[in-house]
Amino acid sequence: MAKPSIPKGTRDFSPTEILKRNYIFDTIKKSFINFGFLPIETPSMEKLDTLTGKYGEEGDNLIFKILNRGDKLKKALNNVSNEENPSQGKIEHTLCAEALRYDLTVPFARYVVQHRNDIAFPFKRFQIQPVWRADRPQRGRYREFYQCDADIIGSQSLIHEVELVQLFDEVLTNLGLPDFTIKVNNRKILTGIAEITGEANRIIDITVAIDKLDKIGEEGVINELTNKGISENAIEKIKPLFKLKGDISIVLSEMKTLLADSEIGLKGLEELTEVFDTVNAVGLSTAQLEFDVTLARGLNYYTGAIFEVKANNVNMGSICGGGRYDDLTSIFGLKDISGVGISFGADRIYDVMEELNLFPSFKSSTTQVLFANFGANIPAMLKILKTVREKGIHAEYYPENANLKKQMKYANAKGIPYVAFIGDNELESGSFKIKNMETGEQKEINLEELPTLFK
């Protein structure tokens, strides 16, 4: 018999791990609601055509396709076998009509178009749901993971960019992260860079390459640009960007000189400056704000501000990201609707909090009191449990009249803080003994007094 296992890049979660994850979700959700976002949910699967072509070539390759079933599969197989030298993409689209969602943003754009008559714009929505990517599993990178997204669609106001920076700051501060950086760039600046290098039509190749600077270093980026056919002259003009660090005002000034001949590049700098000035005027609790001109984020649909958040002094990639997309809904038939959004990577945040020991103390059990089983009248005992639960106390009854040692061992294993002892005599008298499992103290109380233990 094969040893039981799960697919690579997926995980089981214990009760304690679930409590910790819910702590993250609840903290994020509280801030989402605090900032005026409303919840929606979309299906785990979308039509394959909905997802493809939205994430760039690398992203499209990571989409989990769902194989057609039954007669549809037989017909698709026949079509493939009768066609000479079909491309890989053609084969996939013939055999697969659906896919697991890659992110929450594209499904959100589809949702907005489908439900536009029921939405008040600007529409502020949040989603906390899993996504799937056929990626190579490694630390902090999973094939199944949760995203926690907040988006505003139907407004071009830069106030939204400022609020999203504040949202990053509030959530991660409330989770206790002591040191993190919000990196910001603007896709218009990257377009301007491509223009001044004479490679305006190669914007995707350039941005995908420089976005990998943290992973493969300057030499790796240069090699990738060369391999993609970017001219040596263009690469020489890109190289100074790798060294642009330090004071935001100085970097912005240097960029203004560099992009003097690019109208769109200067527009990006103007937007970025307004965001930085407003954030600085309002102030942040914990976050450091940084302009990173090499930040590109490989998603093709970004058109304006780009965000990425990194926990400092932790060996982990970005824990949050996002950006502005001016016309994502047009691919579904609704033009000129601008949106901007961010995503919290709950799984990476979890790993960072574990490494830094930031979680509060959680017991694996949510049960507050275990009623030991002494073979008393079962209907009477279950009636007591019903009364206790109605008082808001999480309670359970040991199911068997086992020896007391076994029942106490069970309570300890689950981390249940109190054990109550009720037999026939206690049922008759209305009072019973209860034991504090941490201190060992026992005292006699009645049901009316029980809630006072959990205040």
Protein backbone atom coordinates (compact mmCIF):
# COMPACT_ATOMS: atom_id res chain seq x y z
CA MET A 1 0.00 0.00 0.00
CA ALA A 2 1.34 3.42 -1.00
CA LYS A 3 2.29 5.79 1.80
CA PRO A 4 -0.33 8.58 2.07
CA SER A 5 0.89 11.97 0.86
CA ILE A 6 -0.32 15.26 -0.59
CA PRO A 7 0.67 17.08 -3.82
CA LYS A 8 3.88 19.13 -3.69
CA GLY A 9 3.32 22.76 -2.88
CA THR A 10 0.22 22.06 -0.75
CA ARG A 11 -0.08 21.64 3.02
CA ASP A 12 -2.24 20.20 5.77
CA PHE A 13 -2.99 22.53 8.67
CA SER A 14 -3.33 21.48 12.29
CA PRO A 15 -5.91 23.07 14.64
CA THR A 16 -3.23 25.38 16.10
CA GLU A 17 -2.08 26.41 12.62
CA ILE A 18 -5.68 27.14 11.62
CA LEU A 19 -6.12 29.35 14.68
CA LYS A 20 -2.98 31.28 13.73
CA ARG A 21 -4.09 31.63 10.10
CA ASN A 22 -7.53 32.82 11.21
CA TYR A 23 -5.79 35.40 13.40
CA ILE A 24 -4.12 36.78 10.27
CA PHE A 25 -7.33 36.65 8.23
CA ASP A 26 -9.36 38.31 10.98
CA THR A 27 -6.79 41.10 11.42
CA ILE A 28 -6.71 41.79 7.68
CA LYS A 29 -10.50 41.61 7.35
CA LYS A 30 -10.98 44.05 10.24
CA SER A 31 -8.82 46.65 8.48
CA PHE A 32 -10.50 46.03 5.13
CA ILE A 33 -13.86 46.79 6.70
CA ASN A 34 -12.36 49.75 8.57
CA PHE A 35 -11.34 51.26 5.20
CA GLY A 36 -14.81 50.78 3.69
CA PHE A 37 -14.28 47.65 1.56
CA LEU A 38 -17.14 45.20 0.96
CA PRO A 39 -16.73 41.39 0.64
CA ILE A 40 -17.34 39.32 -2.49
CA GLU A 41 -16.41 35.77 -3.53
CA THR A 42 -15.78 34.26 -6.97
CA PRO A 43 -15.61 30.58 -8.03
CA SER A 44 -12.43 28.56 -7.56
CA MET A 45 -12.43 27.87 -11.30
CA GLU A 46 -12.82 30.26 -14.19
CA LYS A 47 -13.07 29.76 -17.94
CA LEU A 48 -9.54 29.29 -19.29
CA ASP A 49 -10.04 32.14 -21.76
CA THR A 50 -10.85 34.45 -18.84
CA LEU A 51 -7.41 33.87 -17.31
CA THR A 52 -4.97 33.42 -20.23
CA GLY A 53 -3.18 36.43 -21.67
CA LYS A 54 -3.52 38.50 -18.48
CA TYR A 55 -0.36 37.53 -16.56
CA GLY A 56 2.36 37.49 -19.20
CA GLU A 57 3.95 34.43 -20.75
CA GLU A 58 5.47 33.20 -17.48
CA GLY A 59 2.20 33.63 -15.62
CA ASP A 60 0.17 31.85 -18.29
CA ASN A 61 2.48 28.84 -17.98
CA LEU A 62 1.66 28.62 -14.26
CA ILE A 63 -2.12 28.40 -14.68
CA PHE A 64 -3.56 25.09 -13.47
CA LYS A 65 -5.70 23.85 -16.36
CA ILE A 66 -8.67 21.53 -15.74
CA LEU A 67 -8.98 18.66 -18.22
CA ASN A 68 -12.33 18.30 -20.00
CA ARG A 69 -14.44 15.33 -18.95
CA GLY A 70 -16.52 12.66 -20.70
CA ASP A 71 -17.64 13.26 -24.29
CA LYS A 72 -15.99 16.68 -24.37
CA LEU A 73 -12.61 15.08 -23.67
CA LYS A 74 -13.12 12.37 -26.31
CA LYS A 75 -14.05 14.97 -28.91
CA ALA A 76 -11.08 17.17 -27.95
CA LEU A 77 -8.66 14.23 -28.18
CA ASN A 78 -9.98 13.42 -31.64
CA ASN A 79 -9.51 17.04 -32.75
CA VAL A 80 -5.91 17.07 -31.48
CA SER A 81 -5.01 13.72 -33.09
CA ASN A 82 -6.43 14.85 -36.46
CA GLU A 83 -4.45 18.10 -36.52
CA GLU A 84 -0.87 18.22 -37.80
CA ASN A 85 1.73 19.64 -35.39
CA PRO A 86 -0.60 21.59 -33.07
CA SER A 87 1.13 24.06 -30.73
CA GLN A 88 1.29 23.43 -27.00
CA GLY A 89 -1.11 26.30 -26.36
CA LYS A 90 -3.55 25.01 -28.95
CA ILE A 91 -3.49 21.53 -27.39
CA GLU A 92 -4.16 22.93 -23.89
CA HIS A 93 -7.07 25.08 -25.04
CA THR A 94 -8.53 22.16 -26.98
CA LEU A 95 -8.32 19.76 -24.03
CA CYS A 96 -9.14 22.29 -21.30
CA ALA A 97 -11.95 24.83 -21.13
CA GLU A 98 -11.55 25.75 -17.44
CA ALA A 99 -8.77 26.49 -14.97
CA LEU A 100 -8.21 27.15 -11.28
CA ARG A 101 -7.94 30.88 -10.64
CA TYR A 102 -4.38 32.24 -10.73
CA ASP A 103 -5.17 35.35 -8.71
CA LEU A 104 -8.21 37.30 -7.48
CA THR A 105 -7.81 40.44 -9.62
CA VAL A 106 -8.75 39.09 -13.06
CA PRO A 107 -11.81 37.24 -11.67
CA PHE A 108 -12.72 40.51 -9.93
CA ALA A 109 -12.56 42.38 -13.24
CA ARG A 110 -14.81 39.73 -14.77
CA TYR A 111 -17.18 40.06 -11.79
CA VAL A 112 -17.37 43.85 -12.18
CA VAL A 113 -18.33 43.57 -15.85
CA GLN A 114 -20.96 40.91 -15.20
CA HIS A 115 -22.51 42.76 -12.25
CA ARG A 116 -21.91 46.39 -13.30
CA ASN A 117 -25.61 47.24 -13.09
CA ASP A 118 -25.68 46.25 -9.41
CA ILE A 119 -22.48 48.07 -8.39
CA ALA A 120 -22.08 51.64 -7.09
CA PHE A 121 -18.82 53.08 -8.43
CA PRO A 122 -16.20 53.58 -7.17
CA PHE A 123 -16.56 50.02 -5.89
CA LYS A 124 -14.36 48.97 -2.96
CA ARG A 125 -14.25 45.20 -2.56
CA PHE A 126 -12.21 42.70 -0.59
CA GLN A 127 -11.72 38.97 -1.13
CA ILE A 128 -10.02 36.37 1.04
CA GLN A 129 -9.83 33.14 -0.97
CA PRO A 130 -7.29 30.55 -2.18
CA VAL A 131 -5.53 30.68 -5.57
CA TRP A 132 -3.47 28.07 -7.42
CA ARG A 133 -0.24 28.28 -9.43
CA ALA A 134 1.66 25.43 -11.10
CA ASP A 135 4.90 26.79 -9.68
CA ARG A 136 8.05 25.03 -8.47
CA PRO A 137 7.49 24.69 -4.70
CA GLN A 138 10.08 26.24 -2.39
CA ARG A 139 10.17 28.13 0.90
CA GLY A 140 7.49 30.80 0.83
CA ARG A 141 6.22 29.67 -2.58
CA TYR A 142 3.27 27.28 -2.71
CA ARG A 143 1.00 25.88 -5.39
CA GLU A 144 -2.11 26.49 -3.30
CA PHE A 145 -2.23 29.57 -1.13
CA TYR A 146 -4.54 32.32 0.10
CA GLN A 147 -4.65 35.87 -1.16
CA CYS A 148 -6.32 38.69 0.73
CA ASP A 149 -7.18 41.38 -1.81
CA ALA A 150 -8.56 44.90 -1.53
CA ASP A 151 -9.40 46.80 -4.73
CA ILE A 152 -11.06 50.07 -5.70
CA ILE A 153 -12.45 50.22 -9.22
CA GLY A 154 -14.12 53.12 -11.03
CA SER A 155 -11.86 55.99 -9.93
CA GLN A 156 -8.49 57.41 -11.05
CA SER A 157 -7.93 59.41 -7.85
CA LEU A 158 -4.46 59.01 -6.33
CA ILE A 159 -6.10 59.19 -2.91
CA HIS A 160 -6.69 55.46 -3.33
CA GLU A 161 -2.96 54.78 -3.73
CA VAL A 162 -2.32 56.70 -0.53
CA GLU A 163 -5.04 54.77 1.34
CA LEU A 164 -3.64 51.44 0.15
CA VAL A 165 -0.21 52.39 1.50
CA GLN A 166 -1.92 53.23 4.80
CA LEU A 167 -3.75 49.89 4.66
CA PHE A 168 -0.46 48.00 4.28
CA ASP A 169 0.89 49.92 7.25
CA GLU A 170 -2.16 49.36 9.49
CA VAL A 171 -2.53 45.62 8.86
CA LEU A 172 1.14 44.70 9.24
CA THR A 173 1.50 46.97 12.28
CA ASN A 174 -1.53 45.29 13.90
CA LEU A 175 0.02 41.88 13.18
CA GLY A 176 3.13 43.01 15.05
CA LEU A 177 5.69 43.12 12.22
CA PRO A 178 8.44 45.31 13.64
CA ASP A 179 10.27 46.31 10.44
CA PHE A 180 8.95 46.28 6.89
CA THR A 181 9.33 48.33 3.72
CA ILE A 182 6.65 49.36 1.22
CA LYS A 183 8.36 49.67 -2.15
CA VAL A 184 6.60 51.80 -4.76
CA ASN A 185 7.15 52.43 -8.46
CA ASN A 186 5.01 53.47 -11.41
CA ARG A 187 4.57 51.53 -14.63
CA LYS A 188 4.59 54.81 -16.59
CA ILE A 189 8.15 55.37 -15.35
CA LEU A 190 9.14 51.95 -16.69
CA THR A 191 7.49 52.76 -20.01
CA GLY A 192 9.49 56.00 -20.07
CA ILE A 193 12.69 54.08 -19.44
CA ALA A 194 11.92 51.80 -22.38
CA GLU A 195 11.28 54.89 -24.53
CA ILE A 196 14.59 56.61 -23.75
CA THR A 197 16.52 53.41 -24.45
CA GLY A 198 14.96 53.22 -27.91
CA GLU A 199 13.23 49.93 -27.03
CA ALA A 200 9.68 51.16 -26.39
CA ASN A 201 8.19 48.09 -28.04
CA ARG A 202 10.14 45.80 -25.68
CA ILE A 203 8.62 47.14 -22.45
CA ILE A 204 7.43 43.68 -21.31
CA ASP A 205 10.84 42.02 -21.84
CA ILE A 206 12.60 44.88 -20.03
CA THR A 207 10.26 45.02 -17.02
CA VAL A 208 10.13 41.24 -16.55
CA ALA A 209 13.94 41.17 -16.50
CA ILE A 210 14.60 44.09 -14.14
CA ASP A 211 11.89 42.86 -11.77
CA LYS A 212 14.19 39.91 -11.03
CA LEU A 213 17.03 42.11 -9.76
CA ASP A 214 16.62 40.94 -6.13
CA LYS A 215 16.61 37.29 -7.21
CA ILE A 216 19.34 37.06 -9.88
CA GLY A 217 21.38 40.23 -9.33
CA GLU A 218 22.58 42.86 -11.79
CA GLU A 219 24.62 40.44 -13.89
CA GLY A 220 21.69 38.03 -14.16
CA VAL A 221 19.36 40.83 -15.31
CA ILE A 222 21.87 42.00 -17.92
CA ASN A 223 22.26 38.43 -19.22
CA GLU A 224 18.48 38.04 -19.47
CA LEU A 225 18.13 41.34 -21.33
CA THR A 226 20.90 40.29 -23.72
CA ASN A 227 19.32 36.89 -24.31
CA LYS A 228 16.02 38.59 -25.13
CA GLY A 229 17.71 40.68 -27.80
CA ILE A 230 17.78 44.04 -26.03
CA SER A 231 20.52 46.14 -27.62
CA GLU A 232 23.81 46.80 -25.83
CA ASN A 233 23.16 50.55 -26.08
CA ALA A 234 19.78 50.16 -24.36
CA ILE A 235 21.30 48.00 -21.60
CA GLU A 236 23.94 50.68 -20.93
CA LYS A 237 21.13 53.21 -20.41
CA ILE A 238 19.32 50.80 -18.06
CA LYS A 239 22.38 49.99 -15.90
CA PRO A 240 22.34 53.25 -13.85
CA LEU A 241 18.86 52.32 -12.57
CA PHE A 242 20.35 49.44 -10.57
CA LYS A 243 22.27 51.92 -8.39
CA LEU A 244 19.45 54.40 -7.73
CA LYS A 245 18.92 54.08 -3.97
CA GLY A 246 18.63 56.38 -0.98
CA ASP A 247 16.72 59.59 -0.29
CA ILE A 248 13.42 59.60 -2.22
CA SER A 249 13.61 63.28 -3.21
CA ILE A 250 17.13 62.88 -4.62
CA VAL A 251 16.21 59.74 -6.56
CA LEU A 252 13.08 61.40 -7.97
CA SER A 253 15.17 64.41 -9.03
CA GLU A 254 17.70 62.17 -10.80
CA MET A 255 14.87 60.29 -12.51
CA LYS A 256 13.32 63.56 -13.68
CA THR A 257 16.57 64.41 -15.46
CA LEU A 258 16.85 60.92 -16.92
CA LEU A 259 13.27 60.91 -18.24
CA ALA A 260 13.25 64.52 -19.49
CA ASP A 261 12.44 63.40 -23.04
CA SER A 262 9.64 61.00 -22.08
CA GLU A 263 6.21 62.52 -21.49
CA ILE A 264 4.74 59.33 -20.06
CA GLY A 265 7.78 58.82 -17.82
CA LEU A 266 7.44 62.34 -16.39
CA LYS A 267 3.72 61.70 -15.81
CA GLY A 268 4.61 58.62 -13.78
CA LEU A 269 7.08 60.64 -11.71
CA GLU A 270 4.43 63.31 -11.11
CA GLU A 271 1.92 60.71 -9.84
CA LEU A 272 4.54 59.05 -7.66
CA THR A 273 5.64 62.36 -6.14
CA GLU A 274 2.04 63.22 -5.22
CA VAL A 275 1.59 59.85 -3.50
CA PHE A 276 4.85 60.19 -1.54
CA ASP A 277 4.14 63.79 -0.51
CA THR A 278 0.63 62.90 0.71
CA VAL A 279 1.77 59.81 2.62
CA ASN A 280 4.57 61.80 4.27
CA ALA A 281 2.07 64.50 5.27
CA VAL A 282 -0.28 61.96 6.84
CA GLY A 283 2.42 59.72 8.34
CA LEU A 284 2.81 55.97 8.80
CA SER A 285 2.93 53.93 12.00
CA THR A 286 5.67 51.41 11.23
CA ALA A 287 6.36 51.08 7.51
CA GLN A 288 9.31 52.54 5.66
CA LEU A 289 8.34 53.95 2.24
CA GLU A 290 10.81 53.48 -0.60
CA PHE A 291 10.96 54.36 -4.30
CA ASP A 292 12.37 51.35 -6.17
CA VAL A 293 12.77 52.10 -9.87
CA THR A 294 13.56 48.42 -10.61
CA LEU A 295 10.25 47.26 -9.15
CA ALA A 296 8.18 46.04 -12.08
CA ARG A 297 5.98 43.14 -10.95
CA GLY A 298 5.60 40.99 -14.04
CA LEU A 299 1.82 41.25 -14.43
CA ASN A 300 1.00 42.80 -17.80
CA TYR A 301 -2.16 44.57 -16.67
CA TYR A 302 -0.49 47.17 -14.40
CA THR A 303 -0.47 50.69 -15.86
CA GLY A 304 0.29 53.05 -12.96
CA ALA A 305 1.46 52.66 -9.37
CA ILE A 306 3.12 49.36 -8.39
CA PHE A 307 3.47 48.18 -4.78
CA GLU A 308 5.52 45.52 -3.07
CA VAL A 309 6.09 44.93 0.65
CA LYS A 310 9.05 43.12 2.19
CA ALA A 311 9.67 42.15 5.80
CA ASN A 312 13.16 43.37 6.66
CA ASN A 313 15.76 41.10 8.25
CA VAL A 314 13.81 38.00 7.18
CA ASN A 315 14.87 35.71 4.34
CA MET A 316 11.59 35.88 2.46
CA GLY A 317 10.35 37.35 -0.81
CA SER A 318 7.63 39.97 -0.97
CA ILE A 319 4.73 39.43 1.43
CA CYS A 320 2.31 41.87 -0.25
CA GLY A 321 1.95 43.48 -3.65
CA GLY A 322 -0.38 45.33 -5.97
CA GLY A 323 -0.81 48.16 -8.42
CA ARG A 324 -3.08 50.22 -10.68
CA TYR A 325 -4.71 48.81 -13.79
CA ASP A 326 -6.41 51.40 -15.99
CA ASP A 327 -8.42 49.23 -18.34
CA LEU A 328 -8.45 45.63 -17.15
CA THR A 329 -12.23 45.39 -17.52
CA SER A 330 -11.99 46.23 -21.25
CA ILE A 331 -10.94 42.65 -21.99
CA PHE A 332 -14.44 41.70 -20.83
CA GLY A 333 -16.19 44.47 -22.75
CA LEU A 334 -16.29 47.39 -20.27
CA LYS A 335 -13.86 50.16 -21.26
CA ASP A 336 -12.32 53.09 -19.40
CA ILE A 337 -12.79 51.75 -15.87
CA SER A 338 -9.64 52.34 -13.81
CA GLY A 339 -8.84 50.30 -10.75
CA VAL A 340 -6.12 49.89 -8.15
CA GLY A 341 -5.63 47.12 -5.62
CA ILE A 342 -3.31 45.28 -3.28
CA SER A 343 -2.92 41.73 -2.05
CA PHE A 344 -1.67 40.39 1.29
CA GLY A 345 0.14 37.06 0.94
CA ALA A 346 -1.26 35.39 4.05
CA ASP A 347 0.95 32.30 3.76
CA ARG A 348 4.18 34.27 3.54
CA ILE A 349 3.03 36.57 6.34
CA TYR A 350 2.38 33.43 8.40
CA ASP A 351 5.94 32.18 7.78
CA VAL A 352 7.41 35.57 8.72
CA MET A 353 5.38 35.72 11.92
CA GLU A 354 6.45 32.18 12.84
CA GLU A 355 10.11 33.04 12.27
CA LEU A 356 9.84 36.21 14.36
CA ASN A 357 7.63 34.56 17.01
CA LEU A 358 4.90 37.18 16.63
CA PHE A 359 1.80 35.07 17.18
CA PRO A 360 -0.07 35.39 20.48
CA SER A 361 -0.46 32.19 22.49
CA PHE A 362 -3.04 29.83 21.00
CA LYS A 363 -4.34 26.59 22.50
CA SER A 364 -5.14 23.87 19.99
CA SER A 365 -8.62 23.43 21.48
CA THR A 366 -11.41 25.97 21.45
CA THR A 367 -13.19 23.91 24.15
CA GLN A 368 -13.27 25.77 27.45
CA VAL A 369 -14.65 23.06 29.70
CA LEU A 370 -14.83 19.26 29.44
CA PHE A 371 -17.57 17.50 31.38
CA ALA A 372 -16.15 14.20 32.57
CA ASN A 373 -18.28 11.09 32.00
CA PHE A 374 -19.23 9.18 35.18
CA GLY A 375 -22.11 7.27 33.59
CA ALA A 376 -24.70 9.79 34.78
CA ASN A 377 -28.08 10.20 33.10
CA ILE A 378 -27.11 11.05 29.49
CA PRO A 379 -30.20 13.14 28.56
CA ALA A 380 -29.71 15.15 31.75
CA MET A 381 -26.02 15.68 30.94
CA LEU A 382 -26.72 16.73 27.35
CA LYS A 383 -29.36 19.14 28.67
CA ILE A 384 -26.68 20.69 30.91
CA LEU A 385 -24.33 21.01 27.92
CA LYS A 386 -27.09 22.71 25.96
CA THR A 387 -27.60 25.21 28.79
CA VAL A 388 -23.86 25.86 29.10
CA ARG A 389 -23.43 26.40 25.35
CA GLU A 390 -26.36 28.81 25.32
CA LYS A 391 -24.40 30.87 27.85
CA GLY A 392 -21.61 31.18 25.25
CA ILE A 393 -19.27 28.64 26.87
CA HIS A 394 -17.54 26.17 24.53
CA ALA A 395 -18.16 22.79 26.14
CA GLU A 396 -17.97 19.10 25.34
CA TYR A 397 -18.86 15.85 27.11
CA TYR A 398 -16.46 12.92 27.13
CA PRO A 399 -18.36 10.27 25.13
CA GLU A 400 -17.49 7.18 27.19
CA ASN A 401 -17.56 6.22 30.87
CA ALA A 402 -13.80 5.62 30.80
CA ASN A 403 -11.40 5.79 33.74
CA LEU A 404 -10.77 9.32 34.96
CA LYS A 405 -7.05 9.22 34.12
CA LYS A 406 -7.85 8.66 30.45
CA GLN A 407 -10.36 11.52 30.42
CA MET A 408 -7.90 13.90 32.09
CA LYS A 409 -5.21 12.90 29.60
CA TYR A 410 -7.61 13.79 26.79
CA ALA A 411 -8.25 17.24 28.32
CA ASN A 412 -4.50 17.87 28.65
CA ALA A 413 -3.80 16.74 25.09
CA LYS A 414 -6.37 19.18 23.74
CA GLY A 415 -5.36 22.02 26.05
CA ILE A 416 -8.82 22.28 27.62
CA PRO A 417 -8.47 24.64 30.62
CA TYR A 418 -11.25 23.23 32.87
CA VAL A 419 -12.74 19.81 33.63
CA ALA A 420 -16.13 19.54 35.38
CA PHE A 421 -17.12 16.47 37.41
CA ILE A 422 -20.84 15.67 37.43
CA GLY A 423 -22.31 12.33 38.48
CA ASP A 424 -25.81 11.37 39.60
CA ASN A 425 -25.30 12.95 43.05
CA GLU A 426 -24.19 16.25 41.48
CA LEU A 427 -27.17 16.19 39.14
CA GLU A 428 -29.43 15.91 42.15
CA SER A 429 -27.70 18.60 44.25
CA GLY A 430 -27.16 21.07 41.38
CA SER A 431 -23.53 21.78 42.33
CA PHE A 432 -20.34 20.15 41.09
CA LYS A 433 -16.55 20.34 41.28
CA ILE A 434 -14.48 21.90 38.53
CA LYS A 435 -10.72 21.68 38.11
CA ASN A 436 -8.37 24.30 36.66
CA MET A 437 -6.03 22.14 34.56
CA GLU A 438 -3.23 24.68 34.64
CA THR A 439 -3.08 25.33 38.39
CA GLY A 440 -4.64 22.08 39.63
CA GLU A 441 -7.05 24.08 41.82
CA GLN A 442 -10.52 22.58 42.37
CA LYS A 443 -13.62 24.29 43.64
CA GLU A 444 -17.33 23.65 43.92
CA ILE A 445 -19.74 25.77 41.86
CA ASN A 446 -23.18 25.58 40.25
CA LEU A 447 -24.13 26.13 36.60
CA GLU A 448 -25.08 29.76 37.17
CA GLU A 449 -21.56 30.51 38.43
CA LEU A 450 -19.78 28.77 35.52
CA PRO A 451 -19.66 31.82 33.17
CA THR A 452 -17.70 33.80 35.78
CA LEU A 453 -14.70 31.54 35.15
CA PHE A 454 -14.41 32.72 31.55
CA LYS A 455 -14.84 36.48 31.93
